[in-house]
């Protein structure tokens, strides 16, 4: 069991709950969703605030609701803001008196509530809400009903919104017969994918989650991935399939394929696109898409096997595969960068034997000539070495800034077809990452750059690292990720 179980349900700004054991809450009478009783302008304002998933914005709207005489609606928004801050581990203060009522539940009911939230099914949420209310936890039941009502509103008016006057639903014991219950492992996988925040991580996790029987959660992950992808710069023209693979491919189609290769982590999606490209006569591009899909499937299978072995270590004698992971071969947590694919089933008995001495050749053997480096690779290596030496000498980017060789930066920028302004910024750094692994952090950012720009830069390096990892170069992938973490807006 996880000590802390995060349920990442932020569909369209719906309530997001963090289940832990360090808070308390008071009970209040159960009722319907207070947001539904707001005037149209305030209801729309509340929905927009929830959709931002920004605690500061949500609290501002909560204050406005309270000033207009809607304290219950304001309190719900403050609970949402507090939950988001707690999940993100923010140091920002949480509004006094705002607690998550679910944290005060007994362990069995808190676990049951978490599983109900994981299903993202309004019927299951209302069933568990009824049980909580029957056990005297009216406020917790009310919050589950609000979440169910929010999901129904997002999916359309087909199903009525639940209210406190609804007759008690059947006990949750019958819920598994109508809707699967998400395992703690799957919940943790989703939480890690959301925390990672890159399109490949989100889409590969969506593939696994959908195979495990949770299409709604998978769709939410794909929606998040689409939003992230919209912020990532398109691949450079020279990296598109119509340049090196299929010159007859239309430029707009080549751009879309290049973006899928850069951002897509769902092997099924890549295989479908490969079939379409083959149908259109672009066989080389189809082969590249299929190769990447095969690599991702292999990585997911390896991660699943490692997960099973880890479970066997913790619970020897218990059959490792979980029922949640049986629908498809890739139903397992996303691959860990340093987890090698096992080649035998657990347990494995290893007998150590001393290695035989290696024969020493009598005469030196000729060594293969290393491949000749391209001009871009030579310039990138020279630039990275000089900037990293500056950082080692002065200790930080602010102290090293303005001391770099701008002519070296300009030569590389010209080679790459970039604006040769001599400023080593995030775009130039991303091009350097194509050729070297220890990428110096950007020295300059555009005016007004913020956390979003930094996140985009790190996401782009993560995409390059993922490609290196899928090609078997884990050392390069780890060094690229380490380089991404060194970047800052300072």
Protein backbone atom coordinates (compact mmCIF):
# COMPACT_ATOMS: atom_id res chain seq x y z
CA UNK A 1 0.00 0.00 0.00
CA UNK A 2 1.20 3.44 -0.77
CA UNK A 3 1.74 5.74 2.17
CA UNK A 4 0.25 8.57 0.19
CA UNK A 5 -2.14 8.00 -2.70
CA UNK A 6 -2.65 10.79 -5.22
CA UNK A 7 -5.75 10.69 -7.42
CA UNK A 8 -5.00 12.95 -10.40
CA UNK A 9 -8.50 13.86 -11.58
CA UNK A 10 -8.32 17.36 -12.99
CA UNK A 11 -10.76 16.84 -15.86
CA UNK A 12 -11.71 20.27 -17.15
CA UNK A 13 -11.13 21.83 -13.78
CA UNK A 14 -13.05 19.25 -11.71
CA UNK A 15 -12.20 18.79 -8.01
CA UNK A 16 -8.76 17.35 -7.35
CA UNK A 17 -8.32 15.53 -4.05
CA UNK A 18 -5.14 14.49 -2.24
CA UNK A 19 -5.63 11.63 0.20
CA UNK A 20 -3.20 11.72 3.10
CA UNK A 21 -3.28 11.16 6.83
CA UNK A 22 -2.19 14.50 8.20
CA UNK A 23 -5.35 16.68 8.14
CA UNK A 24 -8.74 16.87 9.82
CA UNK A 25 -12.15 18.16 8.78
CA UNK A 26 -15.55 18.99 10.21
CA UNK A 27 -18.88 17.65 9.00
CA UNK A 28 -21.57 19.78 7.36
CA UNK A 29 -25.02 19.01 6.04
CA UNK A 30 -25.11 17.24 2.69
CA UNK A 31 -26.63 19.03 -0.26
CA UNK A 32 -26.35 19.34 -4.02
CA UNK A 33 -23.53 21.09 -5.87
CA UNK A 34 -23.60 24.73 -4.60
CA UNK A 35 -22.01 25.91 -7.86
CA UNK A 36 -25.18 24.92 -9.71
CA UNK A 37 -27.24 27.46 -7.76
CA UNK A 38 -25.02 30.41 -8.71
CA UNK A 39 -26.17 33.08 -11.16
CA UNK A 40 -25.05 32.38 -14.72
CA UNK A 41 -22.22 34.93 -14.66
CA UNK A 42 -20.75 33.59 -11.42
CA UNK A 43 -21.24 29.98 -12.51
CA UNK A 44 -19.30 30.67 -15.70
CA UNK A 45 -16.61 32.54 -13.76
CA UNK A 46 -16.25 29.60 -11.35
CA UNK A 47 -15.93 27.13 -14.20
CA UNK A 48 -13.25 29.23 -15.86
CA UNK A 49 -11.32 29.49 -12.59
CA UNK A 50 -11.45 25.72 -12.04
CA UNK A 51 -10.32 25.13 -15.61
CA UNK A 52 -7.11 27.12 -14.99
CA UNK A 53 -6.12 24.66 -12.21
CA UNK A 54 -4.31 27.64 -10.65
CA UNK A 55 -4.86 27.93 -6.87
CA UNK A 56 -4.36 31.70 -6.83
CA UNK A 57 -7.02 32.30 -9.49
CA UNK A 58 -9.42 29.88 -7.79
CA UNK A 59 -9.01 31.65 -4.43
CA UNK A 60 -9.64 35.07 -6.04
CA UNK A 61 -12.92 33.83 -7.50
CA UNK A 62 -13.78 32.21 -4.14
CA UNK A 63 -13.40 35.59 -2.44
CA UNK A 64 -15.67 37.17 -5.04
CA UNK A 65 -18.34 34.50 -4.49
CA UNK A 66 -18.19 35.02 -0.73
CA UNK A 67 -18.51 38.80 -1.15
CA UNK A 68 -21.64 38.21 -3.26
CA UNK A 69 -23.25 36.06 -0.55
CA UNK A 70 -22.35 32.52 -1.70
CA UNK A 71 -20.12 31.20 1.13
CA UNK A 72 -20.68 27.49 0.35
CA UNK A 73 -19.57 27.91 -3.26
CA UNK A 74 -16.58 29.97 -2.14
CA UNK A 75 -15.56 27.31 0.37
CA UNK A 76 -15.63 24.59 -2.27
CA UNK A 77 -13.33 26.62 -4.47
CA UNK A 78 -10.96 27.18 -1.55
CA UNK A 79 -10.89 23.41 -0.87
CA UNK A 80 -9.95 22.90 -4.54
CA UNK A 81 -7.16 25.50 -4.31
CA UNK A 82 -5.82 23.94 -1.10
CA UNK A 83 -5.82 20.47 -2.68
CA UNK A 84 -3.86 21.69 -5.71
CA UNK A 85 -1.27 23.41 -3.53
CA UNK A 86 -0.90 20.28 -1.40
CA UNK A 87 -0.48 18.03 -4.44
CA UNK A 88 2.15 20.28 -6.00
CA UNK A 89 4.03 20.57 -2.73
CA UNK A 90 3.89 24.34 -3.02
CA UNK A 91 5.36 26.47 -0.29
CA UNK A 92 2.60 28.99 -0.80
CA UNK A 93 0.31 29.29 2.25
CA UNK A 94 -3.03 27.53 2.19
CA UNK A 95 -6.06 29.55 3.25
CA UNK A 96 -6.65 29.12 6.99
CA UNK A 97 -9.42 26.77 7.99
CA UNK A 98 -9.55 25.03 4.58
CA UNK A 99 -9.07 21.27 4.91
CA UNK A 100 -9.96 18.24 2.84
CA UNK A 101 -12.77 16.36 4.64
CA UNK A 102 -11.70 13.07 3.05
CA UNK A 103 -8.47 13.17 5.09
CA UNK A 104 -10.42 12.66 8.33
CA UNK A 105 -12.11 9.42 7.20
CA UNK A 106 -11.17 6.03 8.68
CA UNK A 107 -8.63 4.13 6.61
CA UNK A 108 -11.20 1.79 5.01
CA UNK A 109 -13.50 4.62 3.92
CA UNK A 110 -10.62 6.81 2.78
CA UNK A 111 -9.32 3.97 0.61
CA UNK A 112 -12.82 3.32 -0.72
CA UNK A 113 -13.24 7.02 -1.55
CA UNK A 114 -9.92 7.06 -3.36
CA UNK A 115 -10.89 4.03 -5.44
CA UNK A 116 -14.23 5.64 -6.30
CA UNK A 117 -12.47 8.83 -7.41
CA UNK A 118 -10.12 6.70 -9.49
CA UNK A 119 -12.99 5.22 -11.50
CA UNK A 120 -14.11 8.69 -12.63
CA UNK A 121 -17.62 7.22 -12.74
CA UNK A 122 -20.37 9.46 -11.28
CA UNK A 123 -22.57 6.48 -10.36
CA UNK A 124 -19.81 4.86 -8.32
CA UNK A 125 -19.00 8.20 -6.66
CA UNK A 126 -22.63 8.65 -5.62
CA UNK A 127 -22.81 5.10 -4.23
CA UNK A 128 -19.76 5.69 -2.06
CA UNK A 129 -21.12 9.14 -1.07
CA UNK A 130 -24.29 7.42 0.22
CA UNK A 131 -22.23 5.03 2.31
CA UNK A 132 -20.18 7.88 3.77
CA UNK A 133 -23.34 9.78 4.67
CA UNK A 134 -24.85 6.69 6.28
CA UNK A 135 -21.72 6.39 8.44
CA UNK A 136 -22.01 10.02 9.57
CA UNK A 137 -19.49 11.68 7.24
CA UNK A 138 -21.87 14.07 5.53
CA UNK A 139 -19.27 16.60 4.38
CA UNK A 140 -17.12 13.92 2.72
CA UNK A 141 -20.18 12.47 1.00
CA UNK A 142 -21.14 15.91 -0.19
CA UNK A 143 -17.74 16.45 -1.81
CA UNK A 144 -18.01 13.15 -3.68
CA UNK A 145 -21.45 14.17 -4.93
CA UNK A 146 -20.02 17.49 -6.13
CA UNK A 147 -17.32 15.59 -8.04
CA UNK A 148 -19.96 13.29 -9.58
CA UNK A 149 -22.05 16.29 -10.59
CA UNK A 150 -19.02 17.97 -12.16
CA UNK A 151 -18.24 14.86 -14.24
CA UNK A 152 -21.85 14.62 -15.40
CA UNK A 153 -21.81 18.28 -16.46
CA UNK A 154 -18.60 17.77 -18.43
CA UNK A 155 -20.02 14.74 -20.24
CA UNK A 156 -23.31 16.46 -21.11
CA UNK A 157 -26.85 16.57 -19.78
CA UNK A 158 -27.55 12.89 -20.44
CA UNK A 159 -27.43 11.95 -16.75
CA UNK A 160 -29.15 13.94 -13.92
CA UNK A 161 -27.05 15.61 -11.26
CA UNK A 162 -27.19 13.92 -7.87
CA UNK A 163 -28.48 15.82 -4.84
CA UNK A 164 -28.77 15.15 -1.15
CA UNK A 165 -32.44 14.17 -1.55
CA UNK A 166 -31.61 11.24 -3.83
CA UNK A 167 -32.52 7.89 -2.29
CA UNK A 168 -29.50 5.96 -0.99
CA UNK A 169 -27.80 3.97 -3.74
CA UNK A 170 -26.93 0.27 -3.44
CA UNK A 171 -23.90 -0.40 -1.22
CA UNK A 172 -20.51 0.07 -2.91
CA UNK A 173 -19.81 -3.64 -2.53
CA UNK A 174 -21.66 -4.18 -5.81
CA UNK A 175 -19.69 -1.44 -7.62
CA UNK A 176 -16.90 -3.72 -8.92
CA UNK A 177 -19.56 -5.64 -10.87
CA UNK A 178 -20.42 -2.55 -12.91
CA UNK A 179 -17.15 -0.59 -12.95
CA UNK A 180 -13.54 -1.68 -12.41
CA UNK A 181 -11.67 -0.30 -9.41
CA UNK A 182 -8.33 1.27 -10.24
CA UNK A 183 -5.41 -0.32 -8.44
CA UNK A 184 -2.99 1.70 -6.33
CA UNK A 185 -0.20 0.89 -8.81
CA UNK A 186 -2.18 2.34 -11.69
CA UNK A 187 -3.10 5.43 -9.67
CA UNK A 188 0.58 5.95 -8.83
CA UNK A 189 1.52 5.55 -12.49
CA UNK A 190 -0.99 8.21 -13.53
CA UNK A 191 0.23 10.56 -10.80
CA UNK A 192 3.84 10.15 -11.96
CA UNK A 193 2.88 10.78 -15.59
CA UNK A 194 1.03 13.97 -14.63
CA UNK A 195 3.99 15.09 -12.53
CA UNK A 196 6.37 14.36 -15.43
CA UNK A 197 4.11 16.43 -17.67
CA UNK A 198 5.71 15.59 -21.04
CA UNK A 199 3.65 14.41 -24.00
CA UNK A 200 5.51 11.06 -24.43
CA UNK A 201 5.02 10.16 -20.75
CA UNK A 202 1.33 11.12 -20.79
CA UNK A 203 0.49 9.29 -24.03
CA UNK A 204 2.36 6.10 -23.14
CA UNK A 205 0.59 6.03 -19.77
CA UNK A 206 -2.74 6.62 -21.53
CA UNK A 207 -2.05 3.51 -23.63
CA UNK A 208 -1.44 1.41 -20.51
CA UNK A 209 -4.41 2.83 -18.60
CA UNK A 210 -6.82 2.24 -21.48
CA UNK A 211 -5.65 -1.37 -21.82
CA UNK A 212 -6.28 -1.80 -18.10
CA UNK A 213 -9.95 -0.87 -18.61
CA UNK A 214 -10.11 2.86 -17.75
CA UNK A 215 -10.87 4.73 -20.99
CA UNK A 216 -12.01 7.92 -19.24
CA UNK A 217 -8.72 8.28 -17.36
CA UNK A 218 -6.81 7.51 -20.58
CA UNK A 219 -8.75 10.21 -22.42
CA UNK A 220 -7.88 12.72 -19.69
CA UNK A 221 -4.18 11.90 -20.08
CA UNK A 222 -4.41 12.32 -23.86
CA UNK A 223 -6.12 15.69 -23.36
CA UNK A 224 -3.27 16.81 -21.11
CA UNK A 225 -0.74 15.56 -23.66
CA UNK A 226 -2.45 17.53 -26.42
CA UNK A 227 -2.27 20.70 -24.33
CA UNK A 228 1.44 20.12 -23.64
CA UNK A 229 2.16 19.34 -27.30
CA UNK A 230 0.64 22.66 -28.34
CA UNK A 231 3.41 24.44 -26.41
CA UNK A 232 6.30 22.48 -27.95
CA UNK A 233 8.08 24.02 -30.92
CA UNK A 234 7.74 22.01 -34.17
CA UNK A 235 10.74 19.94 -35.32
CA UNK A 236 13.21 21.72 -37.57
CA UNK A 237 12.70 21.34 -41.33
CA UNK A 238 15.80 19.17 -41.73
CA UNK A 239 14.40 16.65 -39.23
CA UNK A 240 11.21 15.92 -41.16
CA UNK A 241 10.67 12.67 -43.08
CA UNK A 242 10.33 14.32 -46.50
CA UNK A 243 13.96 15.48 -46.30
CA UNK A 244 15.76 12.18 -45.69
CA UNK A 245 13.15 9.41 -45.99
CA UNK A 246 10.34 10.16 -48.43
CA UNK A 247 11.04 13.31 -50.47
CA UNK A 248 7.66 13.06 -52.20
CA UNK A 249 5.77 13.49 -48.93
CA UNK A 250 3.78 16.77 -48.72
CA UNK A 251 5.41 19.24 -46.27
CA UNK A 252 2.33 19.52 -44.02
CA UNK A 253 2.11 15.72 -43.70
CA UNK A 254 5.85 15.51 -43.03
CA UNK A 255 5.47 18.07 -40.23
CA UNK A 256 2.66 16.08 -38.60
CA UNK A 257 4.65 12.83 -38.79
CA UNK A 258 7.71 14.54 -37.32
CA UNK A 259 5.65 15.87 -34.40
CA UNK A 260 4.22 12.40 -33.76
CA UNK A 261 7.73 10.93 -33.71
CA UNK A 262 8.78 13.69 -31.31
CA UNK A 263 5.80 13.67 -28.93
CA UNK A 264 3.82 10.43 -29.25
CA UNK A 265 4.41 7.70 -26.65
CA UNK A 266 1.40 5.50 -27.50
CA UNK A 267 2.63 2.56 -29.62
CA UNK A 268 -0.86 1.84 -30.94
CA UNK A 269 -1.14 5.40 -32.30
CA UNK A 270 2.27 5.13 -33.96
CA UNK A 271 1.38 1.76 -35.49
CA UNK A 272 -1.85 3.17 -36.88
CA UNK A 273 0.02 6.11 -38.40
CA UNK A 274 2.63 3.70 -39.82
CA UNK A 275 -0.12 1.71 -41.54
CA UNK A 276 -1.56 4.90 -43.01
CA UNK A 277 1.85 6.04 -44.31
CA UNK A 278 2.46 2.64 -45.88
CA UNK A 279 -0.96 2.82 -47.52
CA UNK A 280 -0.02 6.21 -49.01
CA UNK A 281 3.23 4.85 -50.39
CA UNK A 282 5.67 6.33 -47.85
CA UNK A 283 7.29 3.06 -46.83
CA UNK A 284 10.49 4.42 -45.27
CA UNK A 285 8.56 6.75 -43.00
CA UNK A 286 6.24 3.87 -42.08
CA UNK A 287 9.27 1.77 -41.13
CA UNK A 288 10.54 4.53 -38.82
CA UNK A 289 7.15 4.90 -37.15
CA UNK A 290 6.85 1.13 -36.70
CA UNK A 291 10.37 0.92 -35.26
CA UNK A 292 9.60 3.54 -32.63
CA UNK A 293 6.31 1.81 -31.74
CA UNK A 294 8.17 -1.49 -31.32
CA UNK A 295 10.77 0.17 -29.07
CA UNK A 296 8.08 1.67 -26.86
CA UNK A 297 6.23 -1.65 -26.56
CA UNK A 298 9.48 -3.39 -25.62
CA UNK A 299 10.21 -0.75 -22.98
CA UNK A 300 6.72 -1.07 -21.50
CA UNK A 301 6.99 -4.87 -21.46
CA UNK A 302 10.35 -4.63 -19.71
CA UNK A 303 8.90 -2.25 -17.13
CA UNK A 304 5.99 -4.61 -16.53
CA UNK A 305 8.36 -7.52 -15.97
CA UNK A 306 10.47 -5.48 -13.55
CA UNK A 307 7.29 -4.48 -11.72
CA UNK A 308 6.28 -8.15 -11.41
CA UNK A 309 9.73 -9.09 -10.12
CA UNK A 310 9.60 -6.28 -7.56
CA UNK A 311 6.20 -7.50 -6.40
CA UNK A 312 7.56 -11.05 -6.11
CA UNK A 313 10.37 -9.79 -3.88
CA UNK A 314 7.85 -8.07 -1.61
CA UNK A 315 5.32 -10.93 -1.59
CA UNK A 316 7.11 -14.23 -2.42
CA UNK A 317 4.83 -17.05 -3.47
CA UNK A 318 2.12 -14.74 -4.81
CA UNK A 319 1.51 -14.77 -8.55
CA UNK A 320 2.94 -11.42 -9.69
CA UNK A 321 0.56 -10.21 -12.44
CA UNK A 322 -2.29 -8.08 -11.11
CA UNK A 323 -5.78 -8.45 -12.66
CA UNK A 324 -5.58 -4.77 -13.56
CA UNK A 325 -2.66 -5.53 -15.87
CA UNK A 326 -4.05 -8.46 -17.85
CA UNK A 327 -5.97 -6.75 -20.72
CA UNK A 328 -2.89 -6.02 -22.83
CA UNK A 329 0.81 -6.84 -23.05
CA UNK A 330 1.82 -3.30 -22.16
CA UNK A 331 -0.36 -2.91 -19.08
CA UNK A 332 2.40 -1.85 -16.72
CA UNK A 333 3.92 1.29 -15.23
CA UNK A 334 5.88 3.53 -17.64
CA UNK A 335 9.49 2.44 -18.19
CA UNK A 336 12.09 3.58 -15.69
CA UNK A 337 15.13 5.01 -17.50
CA UNK A 338 17.58 2.73 -15.75
CA UNK A 339 15.57 -0.53 -15.70
CA UNK A 340 17.12 -3.17 -18.02
CA UNK A 341 14.78 -5.63 -19.70
CA UNK A 342 15.07 -9.02 -17.91
CA UNK A 343 15.71 -12.09 -20.02
CA UNK A 344 14.39 -14.81 -17.73
CA UNK A 345 11.42 -15.38 -15.45
CA UNK A 346 11.72 -14.85 -11.71
CA UNK A 347 13.19 -16.49 -9.67
CA UNK A 348 16.56 -16.96 -11.34
CA UNK A 349 19.40 -18.93 -9.73
CA UNK A 350 22.82 -17.57 -10.62
CA UNK A 351 25.97 -19.60 -10.00
CA UNK A 352 29.11 -17.51 -10.00
CA UNK A 353 32.03 -19.01 -11.96
CA UNK A 354 35.44 -17.38 -12.43
CA UNK A 355 35.81 -16.00 -15.94
CA UNK A 356 38.36 -17.61 -18.20
CA UNK A 357 41.45 -15.50 -18.91
CA UNK A 358 41.14 -13.41 -22.01
CA UNK A 359 43.67 -14.21 -24.75
CA UNK A 360 46.19 -11.43 -25.28
CA UNK A 361 47.11 -10.88 -28.93
CA UNK A 362 50.79 -11.13 -29.68
CA UNK A 363 50.69 -8.09 -31.93
CA UNK A 364 48.53 -4.98 -31.75
CA UNK A 365 45.26 -5.40 -33.60
CA UNK A 366 44.08 -2.70 -36.03
CA UNK A 367 41.27 -0.61 -34.61
CA UNK A 368 38.29 0.55 -36.69
CA UNK A 369 38.47 4.16 -37.84
CA UNK A 370 35.91 6.23 -35.90
CA UNK A 371 33.17 7.80 -38.04
CA UNK A 372 33.95 11.28 -39.28
CA UNK A 373 32.14 14.03 -37.35
CA UNK A 374 29.92 16.43 -39.21
CA UNK A 375 30.64 20.16 -39.21
CA UNK A 376 27.57 20.80 -37.02
CA UNK A 377 28.72 18.19 -34.51
CA UNK A 378 32.21 19.69 -34.34
CA UNK A 379 30.84 23.20 -33.81
CA UNK A 380 28.33 21.99 -31.19
CA UNK A 381 31.02 20.10 -29.27
CA UNK A 382 33.35 23.09 -29.32
CA UNK A 383 30.60 25.46 -28.18
CA UNK A 384 29.40 23.14 -25.38
CA UNK A 385 32.96 22.60 -24.14
CA UNK A 386 33.73 26.33 -23.99
CA UNK A 387 30.48 27.21 -22.21
CA UNK A 388 30.79 24.35 -19.71
CA UNK A 389 34.38 25.45 -18.98
CA UNK A 390 33.08 28.97 -18.27
CA UNK A 391 30.48 27.58 -15.88
CA UNK A 392 33.11 25.49 -14.07
CA UNK A 393 35.34 28.55 -13.77
CA UNK A 394 32.73 31.05 -12.55
CA UNK A 395 30.28 28.72 -10.83
CA UNK A 396 26.95 29.90 -12.28
CA UNK A 397 25.27 31.25 -15.41
CA UNK A 398 24.83 34.83 -14.06
CA UNK A 399 28.57 35.05 -13.29
CA UNK A 400 29.62 33.47 -16.62
CA UNK A 401 27.18 35.48 -18.74
CA UNK A 402 28.72 38.01 -21.19
CA UNK A 403 32.08 36.21 -20.98
CA UNK A 404 31.27 33.62 -23.65
CA UNK A 405 32.72 33.60 -27.17
CA UNK A 406 29.81 35.00 -29.17
CA UNK A 407 31.57 34.26 -32.47
CA UNK A 408 31.52 30.55 -31.58
CA UNK A 409 27.80 30.81 -30.83
CA UNK A 410 27.17 32.60 -34.14
CA UNK A 411 29.08 29.99 -36.17
CA UNK A 412 26.95 27.22 -34.73
CA UNK A 413 23.71 29.20 -35.16
CA UNK A 414 24.55 29.86 -38.83
CA UNK A 415 25.31 26.19 -39.40
CA UNK A 416 21.93 25.26 -37.92
CA UNK A 417 19.98 27.89 -39.85
CA UNK A 418 19.13 29.88 -36.71
CA UNK A 419 19.20 33.63 -36.20
CA UNK A 420 22.94 34.30 -35.75
CA UNK A 421 22.62 36.85 -32.96
CA UNK A 422 25.37 35.32 -30.82
CA UNK A 423 23.00 34.88 -27.85
CA UNK A 424 23.08 31.36 -26.44
CA UNK A 425 19.38 30.90 -25.62
CA UNK A 426 17.04 27.90 -25.21
CA UNK A 427 16.56 27.36 -28.97
CA UNK A 428 20.31 27.25 -29.60
CA UNK A 429 20.75 24.96 -26.58
CA UNK A 430 18.14 22.54 -27.96
CA UNK A 431 20.06 22.35 -31.24
CA UNK A 432 23.28 21.70 -29.31
CA UNK A 433 21.47 18.80 -27.58
CA UNK A 434 21.16 17.02 -30.93
CA UNK A 435 24.91 16.53 -31.05
CA UNK A 436 26.19 16.52 -27.45
CA UNK A 437 24.91 15.11 -24.18
CA UNK A 438 26.27 17.58 -21.61
CA UNK A 439 24.29 20.60 -22.78
CA UNK A 440 25.19 23.95 -21.14
CA UNK A 441 22.09 25.68 -19.70
CA UNK A 442 20.82 28.69 -21.69
CA UNK A 443 22.57 31.97 -20.89
CA UNK A 444 19.81 34.22 -22.24
CA UNK A 445 16.00 34.08 -22.26
CA UNK A 446 13.56 36.26 -24.13
CA UNK A 447 12.19 39.26 -22.26
CA UNK A 448 9.34 38.27 -19.97
CA UNK A 449 10.22 34.55 -20.03
CA UNK A 450 8.62 32.60 -17.20
CA UNK A 451 8.20 29.13 -15.78
CA UNK A 452 6.26 28.00 -18.86
CA UNK A 453 9.24 28.75 -21.13
CA UNK A 454 11.55 26.84 -18.79
CA UNK A 455 9.14 23.87 -18.77
CA UNK A 456 8.99 23.85 -22.59
CA UNK A 457 12.78 23.82 -22.80
CA UNK A 458 13.06 20.93 -20.34
CA UNK A 459 10.30 19.04 -22.16
CA UNK A 460 12.15 19.38 -25.48
CA UNK A 461 15.34 17.98 -23.94
CA UNK A 462 13.28 15.17 -22.40
CA UNK A 463 12.01 14.27 -25.90
CA UNK A 464 15.58 14.05 -27.18
CA UNK A 465 16.52 11.96 -24.13
CA UNK A 466 13.59 9.61 -24.75
CA UNK A 467 14.73 9.07 -28.35
CA UNK A 468 18.25 8.29 -27.12
CA UNK A 469 16.85 5.88 -24.55
CA UNK A 470 14.75 4.07 -27.13
CA UNK A 471 17.86 3.67 -29.27
CA UNK A 472 19.62 1.99 -26.35
CA UNK A 473 21.84 4.96 -25.37
CA UNK A 474 20.86 5.30 -21.72
CA UNK A 475 24.02 7.16 -20.73
CA UNK A 476 23.22 9.95 -23.18
CA UNK A 477 19.59 10.01 -22.02
CA UNK A 478 20.61 10.42 -18.36
CA UNK A 479 23.11 13.17 -19.17
CA UNK A 480 20.53 15.05 -21.23
CA UNK A 481 18.04 14.87 -18.35
CA UNK A 482 20.72 16.11 -15.95
CA UNK A 483 21.43 18.99 -18.34
CA UNK A 484 17.74 19.90 -18.47
CA UNK A 485 17.61 20.16 -14.66
CA UNK A 486 20.54 22.59 -14.61
CA UNK A 487 18.61 25.16 -16.65
CA UNK A 488 17.04 28.08 -14.79
CA UNK A 489 15.72 31.56 -15.49
CA UNK A 490 18.45 33.18 -13.40
